[in-house]
Amino acid sequence: MSGPGPLSPWRLTGIAAPMAVWALHLVLVYSLQGVTCGGHLPNPRVAGLEALTWWLLLLTAAAFAALAWTGVRAWQARRAAAADRSRPAAAARRRFSSSVALALSVLAAVAVLFTTLPVLLLPGCA
């Protein structure tokens, strides 16, 4: 079950966390690509792919891991709120907030996937 910390799925920071993960991924991907393609970072080939591609895939894996974590926490918080019969109004608010956090986790995962597709389909500095 999710604890009462600042990233709890029923708090504003927990609801916004998936979109913040996506935004951070987007900024890091485009910044890293710009700096590398501008010639400021070396881009050797490693195991058949450019180093830039490996770094972008690593960032994407980290973003998916963070989004999976926020999604699982939201799912657990939603189930806990659905089972809470002691305070129906508070449980309904938590269930709604957790559902929004879960939906945003899925939406952010799709956004990260769409950000990553060009990395997989095109050369890094095309």
Protein backbone atom coordinates (compact mmCIF):
# COMPACT_ATOMS: atom_id res chain seq x y z
CA MET A 1 0.00 0.00 0.00
CA SER A 2 1.15 3.55 -0.64
CA GLY A 3 2.38 5.56 2.30
CA PRO A 4 1.43 9.14 3.12
CA GLY A 5 4.59 10.60 1.55
CA PRO A 6 4.74 13.54 -0.86
CA LEU A 7 4.55 11.23 -3.91
CA SER A 8 1.41 9.44 -2.73
CA PRO A 9 -0.98 9.01 -5.67
CA TRP A 10 -3.69 11.02 -3.93
CA ARG A 11 -1.52 14.11 -3.50
CA LEU A 12 -0.97 16.68 -6.23
CA THR A 13 2.74 15.85 -6.46
CA GLY A 14 1.95 12.16 -6.85
CA ILE A 15 -0.67 12.86 -9.51
CA ALA A 16 1.75 15.08 -11.45
CA ALA A 17 4.75 12.76 -11.04
CA PRO A 18 4.14 10.69 -14.21
CA MET A 19 3.96 13.79 -16.38
CA ALA A 20 7.08 15.16 -14.70
CA VAL A 21 8.89 11.91 -15.54
CA TRP A 22 7.82 12.26 -19.18
CA ALA A 23 8.85 15.94 -19.30
CA LEU A 24 12.25 15.17 -17.77
CA HIS A 25 12.75 12.33 -20.25
CA LEU A 26 11.83 14.62 -23.15
CA VAL A 27 14.20 17.38 -22.03
CA LEU A 28 17.08 14.97 -21.39
CA VAL A 29 16.64 13.16 -24.72
CA TYR A 30 16.58 16.32 -26.81
CA SER A 31 19.33 18.02 -24.80
CA LEU A 32 21.62 15.01 -25.02
CA GLN A 33 20.96 14.68 -28.72
CA GLY A 34 21.61 18.38 -29.32
CA VAL A 35 24.86 18.42 -27.36
CA THR A 36 26.09 15.21 -29.00
CA CYS A 37 25.12 16.19 -32.53
CA GLY A 38 26.65 19.63 -31.98
CA GLY A 39 30.01 17.92 -31.57
CA HIS A 40 30.44 18.61 -27.86
CA LEU A 41 30.29 14.94 -26.81
CA PRO A 42 31.95 11.98 -28.53
CA ASN A 43 29.62 9.52 -30.22
CA PRO A 44 31.57 6.32 -30.93
CA ARG A 45 29.88 3.15 -32.11
CA VAL A 46 29.45 0.55 -29.37
CA ALA A 47 28.11 -2.93 -30.20
CA GLY A 48 26.79 -1.72 -33.56
CA LEU A 49 24.94 1.35 -32.26
CA GLU A 50 26.04 4.90 -31.60
CA ALA A 51 26.78 5.75 -27.97
CA LEU A 52 24.00 8.35 -28.18
CA THR A 53 21.48 5.62 -28.95
CA TRP A 54 22.62 3.58 -25.95
CA TRP A 55 22.32 6.60 -23.64
CA LEU A 56 18.86 7.40 -24.96
CA LEU A 57 17.75 3.80 -24.49
CA LEU A 58 19.10 3.87 -20.93
CA LEU A 59 17.17 7.08 -20.21
CA THR A 60 14.05 5.50 -21.68
CA ALA A 61 14.42 2.37 -19.56
CA ALA A 62 14.79 4.56 -16.46
CA ALA A 63 11.69 6.56 -17.43
CA PHE A 64 9.66 3.38 -17.96
CA ALA A 65 10.84 2.04 -14.59
CA ALA A 66 9.78 5.27 -12.85
CA LEU A 67 6.42 5.24 -14.62
CA ALA A 68 5.86 1.60 -13.70
CA TRP A 69 6.62 2.46 -10.08
CA THR A 70 4.14 5.37 -10.06
CA GLY A 71 1.53 3.23 -11.81
CA VAL A 72 1.86 0.37 -9.34
CA ARG A 73 1.65 2.76 -6.39
CA ALA A 74 -1.45 4.37 -7.88
CA TRP A 75 -3.04 0.96 -8.44
CA GLN A 76 -2.31 -0.08 -4.86
CA ALA A 77 -3.65 3.21 -3.48
CA ARG A 78 -6.81 2.86 -5.57
CA ARG A 79 -7.43 -0.65 -4.27
CA ALA A 80 -6.80 0.46 -0.68
CA ALA A 81 -9.20 3.39 -1.08
CA ALA A 82 -11.85 1.12 -2.58
CA ALA A 83 -11.59 -1.17 0.45
CA ASP A 84 -11.79 1.69 2.98
CA ARG A 85 -15.34 1.85 4.37
CA SER A 86 -14.59 4.00 7.43
CA ARG A 87 -14.59 7.39 5.66
CA PRO A 88 -16.53 7.15 2.37
CA ALA A 89 -15.94 10.75 1.21
CA ALA A 90 -12.18 10.63 1.82
CA ALA A 91 -12.01 7.18 0.22
CA ALA A 92 -13.86 8.46 -2.86
CA ARG A 93 -11.41 11.37 -3.21
CA ARG A 94 -8.43 9.04 -2.84
CA ARG A 95 -9.91 6.57 -5.30
CA PHE A 96 -10.43 9.35 -7.87
CA SER A 97 -6.96 10.84 -7.34
CA SER A 98 -5.33 7.42 -7.57
CA SER A 99 -7.26 6.66 -10.76
CA VAL A 100 -6.05 9.92 -12.30
CA ALA A 101 -2.46 9.13 -11.29
CA LEU A 102 -2.79 5.66 -12.81
CA ALA A 103 -4.22 7.05 -16.06
CA LEU A 104 -1.45 9.64 -16.24
CA SER A 105 1.15 6.90 -15.71
CA VAL A 106 -0.21 5.08 -18.76
CA LEU A 107 -0.44 8.31 -20.78
CA ALA A 108 3.12 9.28 -19.85
CA ALA A 109 4.37 5.80 -20.84
CA VAL A 110 2.77 6.22 -24.27
CA ALA A 111 4.35 9.69 -24.56
CA VAL A 112 7.78 8.30 -23.64
CA LEU A 113 7.31 5.58 -26.25
CA PHE A 114 6.46 8.14 -28.93
CA THR A 115 9.48 10.22 -27.91
CA THR A 116 11.71 7.15 -28.18
CA LEU A 117 10.45 5.81 -31.52
CA PRO A 118 12.56 8.23 -33.62
CA VAL A 119 15.62 7.15 -31.62
CA LEU A 120 15.00 3.57 -32.66
CA LEU A 121 14.07 4.29 -36.28
CA LEU A 122 16.56 7.00 -37.28
CA PRO A 123 20.29 7.59 -36.84
CA GLY A 124 21.08 9.68 -33.78
CA CYS A 125 22.28 12.75 -35.69
CA ALA A 126 20.20 12.44 -38.84
